[in-house]
Amino acid sequence: MIRAMVVDDDALVRLGLTDLLDHDDDIEVVAQAADGLAAIEQATAHRIDVALVDVRMPRMDGITATARLRALPHPPKVITLTTFDLDEYVYNALAAGADGFLLKDTDPADILRAVHLVAAGSAMLHPSAARRLIDRYHRTNRPQATRAREHVERLTPREKEVLALLAEGDTNADIARTLGMRESTVKAHVSRILTALDVTNRVQAALLARDADLGR
């Protein structure tokens, strides 16, 4: 059972997301919060597997809350929720440790899929519009491009192929099919990639790959 938390200052959004998640037999919403500070308190009081966190909230915004949640002794995975025009805030949330993000008009089935993927240790960079947000931000803000390329050069050619697909939001199963590998082999490659790039999750690896223009 995936233990989830919904964090949003809009009571109707919290109610809607909670109702959606609770209708999935494998997800249980065990906590709700109206701002980042309350989210930290709830995550300390309850074991949370996945937190859906809004970006703009009073007292503590979702970006700060993401970093604080990920720093807890038993950190939940974090999916950031945002509206379409908040690309810079989304990027910062991912850099703070979020495992993915969703636009608030995402199809309900994709929201459930995201929770399952993130809980299983993967990431959610879909839908494609969300990836375009990252692309647009990187085209105008690339001060770390040189550092990113240096990190990517640490990888083997095969690891670069895996990273390029990972940066497109592919799951381990997708990468295995594309490259003709076993899924367990892909998982091992991803683990080595995260270590070599000095990042903590797939989303941060994907962002670094995009900084380095890998696969473009």
N, C-alpha and C. Protein backbone atom coordinates (compact mmCIF):
# COMPACT_ATOMS: atom_id res chain seq x y z
N MET A 1 0.83 -1.20 0.00
CA MET A 1 0.00 0.00 0.00
C MET A 1 0.87 1.25 0.00
N ILE A 2 0.61 2.17 -0.91
CA ILE A 2 1.35 3.43 -1.00
C ILE A 2 0.68 4.45 -0.09
N ARG A 3 1.44 4.99 0.85
CA ARG A 3 0.91 5.98 1.78
C ARG A 3 1.22 7.38 1.23
N ALA A 4 0.16 8.12 0.94
CA ALA A 4 0.31 9.40 0.25
C ALA A 4 -0.09 10.58 1.13
N MET A 5 0.46 11.75 0.78
CA MET A 5 0.08 13.01 1.41
C MET A 5 -0.22 14.02 0.31
N VAL A 6 -1.28 14.81 0.49
CA VAL A 6 -1.67 15.85 -0.45
C VAL A 6 -1.43 17.20 0.21
N VAL A 7 -0.64 18.06 -0.46
CA VAL A 7 -0.28 19.36 0.09
C VAL A 7 -0.69 20.45 -0.89
N ASP A 8 -1.70 21.24 -0.53
CA ASP A 8 -2.19 22.32 -1.39
C ASP A 8 -3.00 23.28 -0.53
N ASP A 9 -2.85 24.57 -0.78
CA ASP A 9 -3.59 25.54 0.03
C ASP A 9 -5.04 25.70 -0.42
N ASP A 10 -5.40 25.13 -1.56
CA ASP A 10 -6.79 25.17 -2.04
C ASP A 10 -7.52 23.92 -1.53
N ALA A 11 -8.50 24.14 -0.67
CA ALA A 11 -9.22 23.03 -0.05
C ALA A 11 -9.91 22.14 -1.08
N LEU A 12 -10.42 22.74 -2.15
CA LEU A 12 -11.11 21.95 -3.18
C LEU A 12 -10.12 21.06 -3.94
N VAL A 13 -8.93 21.58 -4.19
CA VAL A 13 -7.89 20.78 -4.85
C VAL A 13 -7.49 19.62 -3.95
N ARG A 14 -7.29 19.89 -2.66
CA ARG A 14 -6.94 18.81 -1.73
C ARG A 14 -8.02 17.74 -1.72
N LEU A 15 -9.27 18.18 -1.66
CA LEU A 15 -10.39 17.22 -1.63
C LEU A 15 -10.42 16.38 -2.90
N GLY A 16 -10.25 17.05 -4.06
CA GLY A 16 -10.30 16.32 -5.32
C GLY A 16 -9.17 15.32 -5.47
N LEU A 17 -7.97 15.73 -5.12
CA LEU A 17 -6.83 14.82 -5.21
C LEU A 17 -6.95 13.67 -4.22
N THR A 18 -7.40 13.98 -3.01
CA THR A 18 -7.57 12.93 -2.01
C THR A 18 -8.59 11.90 -2.46
N ASP A 19 -9.70 12.39 -3.00
CA ASP A 19 -10.74 11.48 -3.49
C ASP A 19 -10.22 10.61 -4.63
N LEU A 20 -9.46 11.22 -5.54
CA LEU A 20 -8.89 10.46 -6.66
C LEU A 20 -7.95 9.37 -6.16
N LEU A 21 -7.02 9.72 -5.28
CA LEU A 21 -6.04 8.76 -4.79
C LEU A 21 -6.69 7.65 -3.98
N ASP A 22 -7.66 8.00 -3.16
CA ASP A 22 -8.30 7.01 -2.31
C ASP A 22 -9.13 6.00 -3.09
N HIS A 23 -9.47 6.32 -4.33
CA HIS A 23 -10.21 5.37 -5.16
C HIS A 23 -9.30 4.32 -5.78
N ASP A 24 -7.99 4.49 -5.63
CA ASP A 24 -7.03 3.48 -6.08
C ASP A 24 -6.81 2.50 -4.93
N ASP A 25 -7.02 1.23 -5.18
CA ASP A 25 -6.92 0.22 -4.12
C ASP A 25 -5.53 0.12 -3.52
N ASP A 26 -4.51 0.61 -4.23
CA ASP A 26 -3.13 0.48 -3.75
C ASP A 26 -2.58 1.78 -3.15
N ILE A 27 -3.44 2.80 -3.02
CA ILE A 27 -3.01 4.08 -2.47
C ILE A 27 -3.92 4.47 -1.31
N GLU A 28 -3.32 4.96 -0.23
CA GLU A 28 -4.08 5.47 0.90
C GLU A 28 -3.55 6.85 1.26
N VAL A 29 -4.42 7.85 1.27
CA VAL A 29 -4.03 9.20 1.69
C VAL A 29 -4.06 9.23 3.21
N VAL A 30 -2.90 9.35 3.83
CA VAL A 30 -2.80 9.31 5.29
C VAL A 30 -2.60 10.69 5.90
N ALA A 31 -2.39 11.72 5.06
CA ALA A 31 -2.20 13.07 5.59
C ALA A 31 -2.52 14.10 4.52
N GLN A 32 -2.95 15.27 4.99
CA GLN A 32 -3.18 16.43 4.13
C GLN A 32 -2.55 17.65 4.81
N ALA A 33 -2.17 18.64 4.00
CA ALA A 33 -1.60 19.87 4.55
C ALA A 33 -1.93 21.03 3.63
N ALA A 34 -2.10 22.22 4.23
CA ALA A 34 -2.46 23.41 3.47
C ALA A 34 -1.27 24.28 3.14
N ASP A 35 -0.08 23.95 3.64
CA ASP A 35 1.13 24.70 3.32
C ASP A 35 2.35 23.86 3.64
N GLY A 36 3.52 24.40 3.31
CA GLY A 36 4.75 23.64 3.48
C GLY A 36 5.07 23.30 4.92
N LEU A 37 4.85 24.23 5.83
CA LEU A 37 5.15 23.96 7.23
C LEU A 37 4.30 22.82 7.76
N ALA A 38 3.02 22.84 7.42
CA ALA A 38 2.14 21.76 7.87
C ALA A 38 2.55 20.44 7.23
N ALA A 39 3.06 20.49 6.00
CA ALA A 39 3.51 19.26 5.34
C ALA A 39 4.67 18.63 6.08
N ILE A 40 5.62 19.47 6.55
CA ILE A 40 6.75 18.95 7.31
C ILE A 40 6.27 18.29 8.59
N GLU A 41 5.31 18.92 9.26
CA GLU A 41 4.76 18.37 10.49
C GLU A 41 4.09 17.03 10.24
N GLN A 42 3.31 16.95 9.17
CA GLN A 42 2.60 15.71 8.85
C GLN A 42 3.57 14.59 8.47
N ALA A 43 4.59 14.95 7.70
CA ALA A 43 5.57 13.94 7.28
C ALA A 43 6.40 13.44 8.45
N THR A 44 6.53 14.27 9.48
CA THR A 44 7.24 13.85 10.69
C THR A 44 6.38 12.94 11.54
N ALA A 45 5.07 13.21 11.53
CA ALA A 45 4.14 12.43 12.36
C ALA A 45 3.70 11.13 11.70
N HIS A 46 3.73 11.07 10.38
CA HIS A 46 3.25 9.90 9.64
C HIS A 46 4.35 9.39 8.70
N ARG A 47 4.32 8.11 8.41
CA ARG A 47 5.21 7.58 7.38
C ARG A 47 4.56 7.85 6.03
N ILE A 48 5.19 8.66 5.22
CA ILE A 48 4.68 9.03 3.91
C ILE A 48 5.57 8.45 2.83
N ASP A 49 4.97 7.79 1.86
CA ASP A 49 5.75 7.26 0.73
C ASP A 49 5.86 8.30 -0.39
N VAL A 50 4.75 8.94 -0.73
CA VAL A 50 4.72 9.91 -1.82
C VAL A 50 3.91 11.13 -1.39
N ALA A 51 4.48 12.32 -1.58
CA ALA A 51 3.77 13.57 -1.29
C ALA A 51 3.52 14.33 -2.58
N LEU A 52 2.28 14.73 -2.82
CA LEU A 52 1.95 15.62 -3.93
C LEU A 52 1.94 17.04 -3.37
N VAL A 53 2.83 17.89 -3.86
CA VAL A 53 3.06 19.19 -3.24
C VAL A 53 2.87 20.32 -4.25
N ASP A 54 1.97 21.24 -3.91
CA ASP A 54 1.76 22.43 -4.73
C ASP A 54 2.99 23.34 -4.61
N VAL A 55 3.20 24.22 -5.60
CA VAL A 55 4.35 25.12 -5.56
C VAL A 55 4.05 26.38 -4.76
N ARG A 56 2.98 27.07 -5.12
CA ARG A 56 2.67 28.36 -4.48
C ARG A 56 1.72 28.14 -3.30
N MET A 57 2.25 28.35 -2.11
CA MET A 57 1.47 28.20 -0.88
C MET A 57 1.92 29.23 0.13
N PRO A 58 1.07 29.59 1.10
CA PRO A 58 1.47 30.53 2.15
C PRO A 58 2.42 29.87 3.15
N ARG A 59 3.05 30.70 3.96
CA ARG A 59 3.96 30.31 5.04
C ARG A 59 5.23 29.63 4.52
N MET A 60 5.10 28.53 3.79
CA MET A 60 6.26 27.88 3.17
C MET A 60 5.84 27.34 1.81
N ASP A 61 6.54 27.80 0.76
CA ASP A 61 6.19 27.37 -0.60
C ASP A 61 6.61 25.92 -0.85
N GLY A 62 6.14 25.40 -1.96
CA GLY A 62 6.40 24.01 -2.27
C GLY A 62 7.84 23.68 -2.58
N ILE A 63 8.60 24.64 -3.10
CA ILE A 63 10.01 24.40 -3.40
C ILE A 63 10.80 24.20 -2.11
N THR A 64 10.60 25.12 -1.17
CA THR A 64 11.27 24.99 0.12
C THR A 64 10.82 23.73 0.84
N ALA A 65 9.51 23.46 0.77
CA ALA A 65 8.97 22.27 1.44
C ALA A 65 9.56 21.00 0.85
N THR A 66 9.77 20.98 -0.46
CA THR A 66 10.36 19.80 -1.11
C THR A 66 11.75 19.52 -0.54
N ALA A 67 12.57 20.55 -0.47
CA ALA A 67 13.91 20.38 0.07
C ALA A 67 13.86 19.91 1.52
N ARG A 68 12.95 20.46 2.31
CA ARG A 68 12.83 20.08 3.71
C ARG A 68 12.32 18.64 3.86
N LEU A 69 11.36 18.27 3.03
CA LEU A 69 10.83 16.90 3.07
C LEU A 69 11.92 15.90 2.70
N ARG A 70 12.70 16.21 1.67
CA ARG A 70 13.73 15.28 1.22
C ARG A 70 14.88 15.17 2.22
N ALA A 71 14.98 16.13 3.14
CA ALA A 71 16.05 16.11 4.15
C ALA A 71 15.64 15.38 5.42
N LEU A 72 14.40 14.93 5.51
CA LEU A 72 13.94 14.22 6.71
C LEU A 72 14.65 12.87 6.83
N PRO A 73 14.71 12.31 8.03
CA PRO A 73 15.35 11.00 8.22
C PRO A 73 14.73 9.89 7.36
N HIS A 74 13.40 9.96 7.17
CA HIS A 74 12.70 9.00 6.31
C HIS A 74 11.94 9.81 5.26
N PRO A 75 12.64 10.30 4.25
CA PRO A 75 12.03 11.25 3.31
C PRO A 75 11.02 10.61 2.37
N PRO A 76 9.89 11.28 2.18
CA PRO A 76 8.95 10.80 1.16
C PRO A 76 9.44 11.18 -0.23
N LYS A 77 9.00 10.46 -1.23
CA LYS A 77 9.17 10.92 -2.60
C LYS A 77 8.25 12.12 -2.79
N VAL A 78 8.62 13.03 -3.68
CA VAL A 78 7.82 14.24 -3.87
C VAL A 78 7.48 14.42 -5.35
N ILE A 79 6.20 14.66 -5.61
CA ILE A 79 5.74 15.06 -6.94
C ILE A 79 5.22 16.49 -6.81
N THR A 80 5.79 17.39 -7.57
CA THR A 80 5.38 18.79 -7.51
C THR A 80 4.20 19.04 -8.43
N LEU A 81 3.23 19.78 -7.91
CA LEU A 81 2.06 20.18 -8.69
C LEU A 81 2.19 21.65 -9.05
N THR A 82 1.87 22.00 -10.29
CA THR A 82 1.98 23.39 -10.68
C THR A 82 1.06 23.70 -11.84
N THR A 83 0.90 24.98 -12.13
CA THR A 83 0.19 25.40 -13.32
C THR A 83 1.18 25.57 -14.45
N PHE A 84 0.70 25.71 -15.68
CA PHE A 84 1.53 25.62 -16.86
C PHE A 84 2.57 26.73 -16.96
N ASP A 85 2.33 27.88 -16.35
CA ASP A 85 3.24 29.00 -16.56
C ASP A 85 4.31 29.13 -15.47
N LEU A 86 4.50 28.10 -14.66
CA LEU A 86 5.45 28.19 -13.56
C LEU A 86 6.70 27.34 -13.83
N ASP A 87 7.23 27.42 -15.05
CA ASP A 87 8.34 26.54 -15.41
C ASP A 87 9.57 26.75 -14.54
N GLU A 88 9.90 28.00 -14.20
CA GLU A 88 11.08 28.24 -13.38
C GLU A 88 10.90 27.65 -11.98
N TYR A 89 9.71 27.80 -11.42
CA TYR A 89 9.46 27.23 -10.10
C TYR A 89 9.53 25.70 -10.14
N VAL A 90 9.02 25.12 -11.21
CA VAL A 90 9.07 23.67 -11.36
C VAL A 90 10.50 23.19 -11.41
N TYR A 91 11.33 23.85 -12.22
CA TYR A 91 12.74 23.46 -12.33
C TYR A 91 13.40 23.50 -10.96
N ASN A 92 13.16 24.57 -10.22
CA ASN A 92 13.77 24.70 -8.90
C ASN A 92 13.29 23.62 -7.95
N ALA A 93 12.02 23.24 -8.05
CA ALA A 93 11.50 22.17 -7.20
C ALA A 93 12.18 20.85 -7.52
N LEU A 94 12.37 20.56 -8.80
CA LEU A 94 13.05 19.33 -9.20
C LEU A 94 14.50 19.34 -8.71
N ALA A 95 15.14 20.49 -8.83
CA ALA A 95 16.51 20.60 -8.35
C ALA A 95 16.59 20.44 -6.83
N ALA A 96 15.49 20.76 -6.14
CA ALA A 96 15.45 20.61 -4.68
C ALA A 96 15.24 19.16 -4.26
N GLY A 97 14.96 18.28 -5.22
CA GLY A 97 14.84 16.87 -4.89
C GLY A 97 13.55 16.20 -5.25
N ALA A 98 12.63 16.93 -5.91
CA ALA A 98 11.37 16.30 -6.33
C ALA A 98 11.66 15.20 -7.35
N ASP A 99 10.83 14.18 -7.34
CA ASP A 99 11.00 13.05 -8.26
C ASP A 99 10.19 13.21 -9.53
N GLY A 100 9.50 14.32 -9.65
CA GLY A 100 8.74 14.57 -10.85
C GLY A 100 7.79 15.73 -10.64
N PHE A 101 7.07 16.07 -11.68
CA PHE A 101 6.04 17.08 -11.50
C PHE A 101 4.88 16.82 -12.44
N LEU A 102 3.73 17.34 -12.04
CA LEU A 102 2.51 17.23 -12.83
C LEU A 102 1.89 18.60 -12.97
N LEU A 103 1.31 18.85 -14.11
CA LEU A 103 0.50 20.04 -14.27
C LEU A 103 -0.87 19.76 -13.64
N LYS A 104 -1.51 20.80 -13.12
CA LYS A 104 -2.75 20.58 -12.40
C LYS A 104 -3.91 20.12 -13.29
N ASP A 105 -3.75 20.27 -14.62
CA ASP A 105 -4.79 19.77 -15.51
C ASP A 105 -4.44 18.39 -16.09
N THR A 106 -3.46 17.72 -15.47
CA THR A 106 -3.08 16.37 -15.91
C THR A 106 -4.26 15.42 -15.79
N ASP A 107 -4.38 14.50 -16.73
CA ASP A 107 -5.44 13.50 -16.69
C ASP A 107 -5.36 12.70 -15.38
N PRO A 108 -6.49 12.44 -14.72
CA PRO A 108 -6.46 11.70 -13.45
C PRO A 108 -5.71 10.37 -13.53
N ALA A 109 -5.84 9.66 -14.65
CA ALA A 109 -5.14 8.38 -14.78
C ALA A 109 -3.63 8.58 -14.74
N ASP A 110 -3.15 9.70 -15.30
CA ASP A 110 -1.71 9.97 -15.29
C ASP A 110 -1.23 10.38 -13.90
N ILE A 111 -2.10 11.01 -13.12
CA ILE A 111 -1.74 11.34 -11.74
C ILE A 111 -1.54 10.05 -10.95
N LEU A 112 -2.46 9.11 -11.10
CA LEU A 112 -2.32 7.83 -10.40
C LEU A 112 -1.07 7.09 -10.88
N ARG A 113 -0.83 7.12 -12.18
CA ARG A 113 0.36 6.45 -12.73
C ARG A 113 1.62 7.08 -12.16
N ALA A 114 1.63 8.40 -12.02
CA ALA A 114 2.80 9.08 -11.48
C ALA A 114 3.08 8.65 -10.05
N VAL A 115 2.05 8.55 -9.24
CA VAL A 115 2.23 8.13 -7.85
C VAL A 115 2.82 6.72 -7.79
N HIS A 116 2.31 5.83 -8.62
CA HIS A 116 2.82 4.46 -8.63
C HIS A 116 4.28 4.43 -9.11
N LEU A 117 4.59 5.16 -10.17
CA LEU A 117 5.96 5.18 -10.70
C LEU A 117 6.95 5.72 -9.69
N VAL A 118 6.60 6.84 -9.08
CA VAL A 118 7.51 7.47 -8.12
C VAL A 118 7.68 6.60 -6.88
N ALA A 119 6.59 6.00 -6.42
CA ALA A 119 6.68 5.12 -5.25
C ALA A 119 7.60 3.93 -5.53
N ALA A 120 7.65 3.50 -6.79
CA ALA A 120 8.48 2.36 -7.17
C ALA A 120 9.93 2.75 -7.44
N GLY A 121 10.23 4.06 -7.30
CA GLY A 121 11.61 4.50 -7.49
C GLY A 121 11.91 5.09 -8.85
N SER A 122 10.88 5.24 -9.68
CA SER A 122 11.10 5.84 -11.00
C SER A 122 10.79 7.33 -10.89
N ALA A 123 10.56 7.98 -12.02
CA ALA A 123 10.28 9.41 -12.04
C ALA A 123 9.15 9.68 -13.02
N MET A 124 8.56 10.86 -12.92
CA MET A 124 7.47 11.21 -13.82
C MET A 124 7.76 12.53 -14.49
N LEU A 125 8.22 12.47 -15.75
CA LEU A 125 8.45 13.68 -16.52
C LEU A 125 7.37 13.88 -17.58
N HIS A 126 6.39 13.04 -17.58
CA HIS A 126 5.27 13.21 -18.49
C HIS A 126 4.24 14.12 -17.85
N PRO A 127 3.32 14.71 -18.61
CA PRO A 127 3.16 14.60 -20.05
C PRO A 127 4.23 15.36 -20.82
N SER A 128 4.19 15.26 -22.13
CA SER A 128 5.22 15.88 -22.95
C SER A 128 5.27 17.39 -22.75
N ALA A 129 4.14 17.99 -22.44
CA ALA A 129 4.13 19.44 -22.18
C ALA A 129 5.03 19.78 -21.00
N ALA A 130 5.08 18.91 -20.04
CA ALA A 130 5.93 19.15 -18.87
C ALA A 130 7.40 19.14 -19.28
N ARG A 131 7.79 18.23 -20.18
CA ARG A 131 9.18 18.20 -20.65
C ARG A 131 9.52 19.50 -21.40
N ARG A 132 8.53 20.04 -22.14
CA ARG A 132 8.78 21.28 -22.87
C ARG A 132 9.05 22.44 -21.92
N LEU A 133 8.43 22.40 -20.74
CA LEU A 133 8.72 23.43 -19.75
C LEU A 133 10.20 23.42 -19.37
N ILE A 134 10.73 22.24 -19.13
CA ILE A 134 12.14 22.11 -18.78
C ILE A 134 13.01 22.59 -19.94
N ASP A 135 12.66 22.18 -21.16
CA ASP A 135 13.43 22.59 -22.33
C ASP A 135 13.46 24.11 -22.46
N ARG A 136 12.30 24.75 -22.30
CA ARG A 136 12.22 26.19 -22.46
C ARG A 136 13.05 26.90 -21.39
N TYR A 137 13.00 26.41 -20.19
CA TYR A 137 13.78 27.04 -19.12
C TYR A 137 15.28 26.90 -19.38
N HIS A 138 15.69 25.73 -19.85
CA HIS A 138 17.12 25.51 -20.09
C HIS A 138 17.65 26.34 -21.24
N ARG A 139 16.79 26.65 -22.21
CA ARG A 139 17.27 27.47 -23.33
C ARG A 139 17.62 28.88 -22.89
N THR A 140 17.04 29.34 -21.77
CA THR A 140 17.28 30.70 -21.31
C THR A 140 18.11 30.76 -20.04
N ASN A 141 18.45 29.59 -19.47
CA ASN A 141 19.18 29.60 -18.19
C ASN A 141 20.13 28.42 -18.15
N ARG A 142 21.37 28.60 -18.67
CA ARG A 142 22.27 27.48 -18.82
C ARG A 142 23.64 27.72 -18.20
N PRO A 143 23.73 28.31 -17.02
CA PRO A 143 25.05 28.59 -16.46
C PRO A 143 25.82 27.35 -16.06
N GLN A 144 25.14 26.20 -15.92
CA GLN A 144 25.82 24.99 -15.47
C GLN A 144 26.11 24.03 -16.61
N ALA A 145 26.00 24.50 -17.84
CA ALA A 145 26.17 23.60 -18.97
C ALA A 145 27.55 22.97 -19.02
N THR A 146 28.60 23.75 -18.77
CA THR A 146 29.96 23.22 -18.82
C THR A 146 30.16 22.13 -17.76
N ARG A 147 29.70 22.42 -16.54
CA ARG A 147 29.81 21.43 -15.46
C ARG A 147 29.03 20.17 -15.81
N ALA A 148 27.87 20.33 -16.41
CA ALA A 148 27.05 19.18 -16.77
C ALA A 148 27.75 18.31 -17.79
N ARG A 149 28.36 18.93 -18.80
CA ARG A 149 29.07 18.16 -19.82
C ARG A 149 30.26 17.40 -19.22
N GLU A 150 30.94 18.04 -18.26
CA GLU A 150 32.06 17.36 -17.60
C GLU A 150 31.58 16.12 -16.86
N HIS A 151 30.44 16.21 -16.19
CA HIS A 151 29.90 15.05 -15.48
C HIS A 151 29.48 13.94 -16.45
N VAL A 152 28.84 14.32 -17.55
CA VAL A 152 28.37 13.32 -18.52
C VAL A 152 29.55 12.58 -19.15
N GLU A 153 30.68 13.27 -19.31
CA GLU A 153 31.85 12.63 -19.92
C GLU A 153 32.42 11.51 -19.04
N ARG A 154 31.99 11.44 -17.79
CA ARG A 154 32.43 10.34 -16.92
C ARG A 154 31.77 9.02 -17.30
N LEU A 155 30.70 9.08 -18.09
CA LEU A 155 29.91 7.89 -18.39
C LEU A 155 30.46 7.12 -19.58
N THR A 156 30.17 5.83 -19.62
CA THR A 156 30.50 5.01 -20.78
C THR A 156 29.51 5.33 -21.90
N PRO A 157 29.84 4.97 -23.15
CA PRO A 157 28.89 5.21 -24.24
C PRO A 157 27.51 4.59 -23.98
N ARG A 158 27.48 3.39 -23.41
CA ARG A 158 26.19 2.74 -23.14
C ARG A 158 25.42 3.50 -22.07
N GLU A 159 26.12 3.96 -21.06
CA GLU A 159 25.46 4.73 -20.00
C GLU A 159 24.90 6.04 -20.54
N LYS A 160 25.60 6.64 -21.51
CA LYS A 160 25.08 7.86 -22.13
C LYS A 160 23.80 7.57 -22.89
N GLU A 161 23.73 6.41 -23.54
CA GLU A 161 22.50 6.03 -24.24
C GLU A 161 21.34 5.88 -23.26
N VAL A 162 21.61 5.24 -22.14
CA VAL A 162 20.59 5.06 -21.11
C VAL A 162 20.15 6.42 -20.56
N LEU A 163 21.11 7.29 -20.29
CA LEU A 163 20.81 8.60 -19.74
C LEU A 163 19.98 9.43 -20.71
N ALA A 164 20.30 9.36 -21.99
CA ALA A 164 19.55 10.13 -22.99
C ALA A 164 18.07 9.73 -22.99
N LEU A 165 17.80 8.43 -22.88
CA LEU A 165 16.42 7.96 -22.84
C LEU A 165 15.76 8.31 -21.52
N LEU A 166 16.52 8.20 -20.44
CA LEU A 166 16.01 8.59 -19.12
C LEU A 166 15.59 10.06 -19.14
N ALA A 167 16.37 10.89 -19.82
CA ALA A 167 16.07 12.32 -19.89
C ALA A 167 14.79 12.61 -20.63
N GLU A 168 14.35 11.67 -21.47
CA GLU A 168 13.08 11.82 -22.17
C GLU A 168 11.90 11.32 -21.35
N GLY A 169 12.18 10.85 -20.13
CA GLY A 169 11.11 10.38 -19.26
C GLY A 169 10.81 8.90 -19.38
N ASP A 170 11.66 8.14 -20.10
CA ASP A 170 11.42 6.70 -20.27
C ASP A 170 11.63 5.96 -18.95
N THR A 171 10.80 4.96 -18.72
CA THR A 171 10.98 4.09 -17.56
C THR A 171 12.07 3.07 -17.85
N ASN A 172 12.46 2.30 -16.83
CA ASN A 172 13.46 1.25 -17.05
C ASN A 172 12.97 0.25 -18.09
N ALA A 173 11.67 -0.07 -18.04
CA ALA A 173 11.11 -1.02 -19.01
C ALA A 173 11.19 -0.45 -20.43
N ASP A 174 10.89 0.85 -20.58
CA ASP A 174 10.97 1.49 -21.89
C ASP A 174 12.40 1.44 -22.43
N ILE A 175 13.36 1.77 -21.57
CA ILE A 175 14.77 1.78 -21.98
C ILE A 175 15.23 0.38 -22.36
N ALA A 176 14.80 -0.61 -21.59
CA ALA A 176 15.18 -1.99 -21.88
C ALA A 176 14.69 -2.41 -23.27
N ARG A 177 13.45 -2.04 -23.59
CA ARG A 177 12.92 -2.40 -24.91
C ARG A 177 13.67 -1.68 -26.02
N THR A 178 13.95 -0.40 -25.83
CA THR A 178 14.61 0.37 -26.87
C THR A 178 16.03 -0.11 -27.14
N LEU A 179 16.76 -0.44 -26.08
CA LEU A 179 18.17 -0.81 -26.22
C LEU A 179 18.40 -2.31 -26.24
N GLY A 180 17.34 -3.10 -26.13
CA GLY A 180 17.48 -4.55 -26.18
C GLY A 180 18.20 -5.12 -24.99
N MET A 181 17.93 -4.58 -23.81
CA MET A 181 18.57 -5.03 -22.57
C MET A 181 17.55 -5.69 -21.65
N ARG A 182 18.06 -6.36 -20.64
CA ARG A 182 17.22 -6.79 -19.54
C ARG A 182 16.92 -5.57 -18.67
N GLU A 183 15.74 -5.56 -18.07
CA GLU A 183 15.38 -4.44 -17.21
C GLU A 183 16.32 -4.35 -16.01
N SER A 184 16.79 -5.50 -15.51
CA SER A 184 17.72 -5.48 -14.38
C SER A 184 19.05 -4.83 -14.77
N THR A 185 19.46 -5.02 -16.03
CA THR A 185 20.69 -4.38 -16.51
C THR A 185 20.52 -2.88 -16.59
N VAL A 186 19.36 -2.44 -17.07
CA VAL A 186 19.08 -1.00 -17.12
C VAL A 186 19.12 -0.41 -15.71
N LYS A 187 18.52 -1.11 -14.77
CA LYS A 187 18.50 -0.63 -13.38
C LYS A 187 19.92 -0.46 -12.85
N ALA A 188 20.80 -1.41 -13.18
CA ALA A 188 22.20 -1.31 -12.75
C ALA A 188 22.89 -0.12 -13.40
N HIS A 189 22.62 0.10 -14.70
CA HIS A 189 23.20 1.25 -15.39
C HIS A 189 22.74 2.55 -14.73
N VAL A 190 21.44 2.64 -14.42
CA VAL A 190 20.90 3.87 -13.82
C VAL A 190 21.56 4.14 -12.48
N SER A 191 21.76 3.09 -11.70
CA SER A 191 22.42 3.25 -10.40
C SER A 191 23.82 3.81 -10.57
N ARG A 192 24.58 3.29 -11.54
CA ARG A 192 25.94 3.79 -11.78
C ARG A 192 25.92 5.22 -12.31
N ILE A 193 24.93 5.53 -13.13
CA ILE A 193 24.80 6.88 -13.68
C ILE A 193 24.57 7.89 -12.56
N LEU A 194 23.67 7.59 -11.64
CA LEU A 194 23.39 8.51 -10.53
C LEU A 194 24.65 8.77 -9.71
N THR A 195 25.43 7.70 -9.48
CA THR A 195 26.68 7.85 -8.72
C THR A 195 27.68 8.70 -9.48
N ALA A 196 27.85 8.43 -10.76
CA ALA A 196 28.83 9.16 -11.56
C ALA A 196 28.47 10.64 -11.71
N LEU A 197 27.17 10.93 -11.79
CA LEU A 197 26.73 12.32 -11.97
C LEU A 197 26.59 13.05 -10.65
N ASP A 198 26.72 12.31 -9.54
CA ASP A 198 26.61 12.89 -8.21
C ASP A 198 25.23 13.53 -8.00
N VAL A 199 24.18 12.79 -8.37
CA VAL A 199 22.81 13.24 -8.16
C VAL A 199 22.07 12.16 -7.37
N THR A 200 20.90 12.54 -6.84
CA THR A 200 20.19 11.63 -5.94
C THR A 200 19.02 10.91 -6.58
N ASN A 201 18.53 11.39 -7.73
CA ASN A 201 17.39 10.71 -8.35
C ASN A 201 17.40 10.89 -9.86
N ARG A 202 16.47 10.23 -10.53
CA ARG A 202 16.42 10.21 -11.98
C ARG A 202 16.11 11.58 -12.57
N VAL A 203 15.27 12.34 -11.89
CA VAL A 203 14.89 13.65 -12.41
C VAL A 203 16.10 14.58 -12.46
N GLN A 204 16.90 14.59 -11.38
CA GLN A 204 18.09 15.41 -11.37
C GLN A 204 19.07 14.96 -12.46
N ALA A 205 19.15 13.65 -12.68
CA ALA A 205 20.01 13.14 -13.76
C ALA A 205 19.49 13.61 -15.12
N ALA A 206 18.18 13.60 -15.31
CA ALA A 206 17.59 14.06 -16.56
C ALA A 206 17.86 15.53 -16.79
N LEU A 207 17.74 16.34 -15.75
CA LEU A 207 18.00 17.76 -15.88
C LEU A 207 19.47 18.02 -16.25
N LEU A 208 20.38 17.28 -15.62
CA LEU A 208 21.79 17.44 -15.93
C LEU A 208 22.07 17.04 -17.37
N ALA A 209 21.41 15.96 -17.83
CA ALA A 209 21.59 15.53 -19.22
C ALA A 209 21.13 16.60 -20.19
N ARG A 210 20.03 17.27 -19.85
CA ARG A 210 19.53 18.32 -20.72
C ARG A 210 20.45 19.54 -20.69
N ASP A 211 21.03 19.83 -19.51
CA ASP A 211 22.03 20.91 -19.42
C ASP A 211 23.19 20.63 -20.38
N ALA A 212 23.55 19.37 -20.49
CA ALA A 212 24.69 18.98 -21.32
C ALA A 212 24.31 18.76 -22.77
N ASP A 213 23.04 18.98 -23.12
CA ASP A 213 22.55 18.77 -24.48
C ASP A 213 22.71 17.33 -24.94
N LEU A 214 22.65 16.40 -24.02
CA LEU A 214 22.81 14.99 -24.38
C LEU A 214 21.62 14.52 -25.19
N GLY A 215 21.91 13.89 -26.31
CA GLY A 215 20.88 13.28 -27.12
C GLY A 215 20.17 14.24 -28.05
N ARG A 216 20.55 15.52 -28.07
CA ARG A 216 19.89 16.46 -28.95
C ARG A 216 20.58 16.60 -30.29
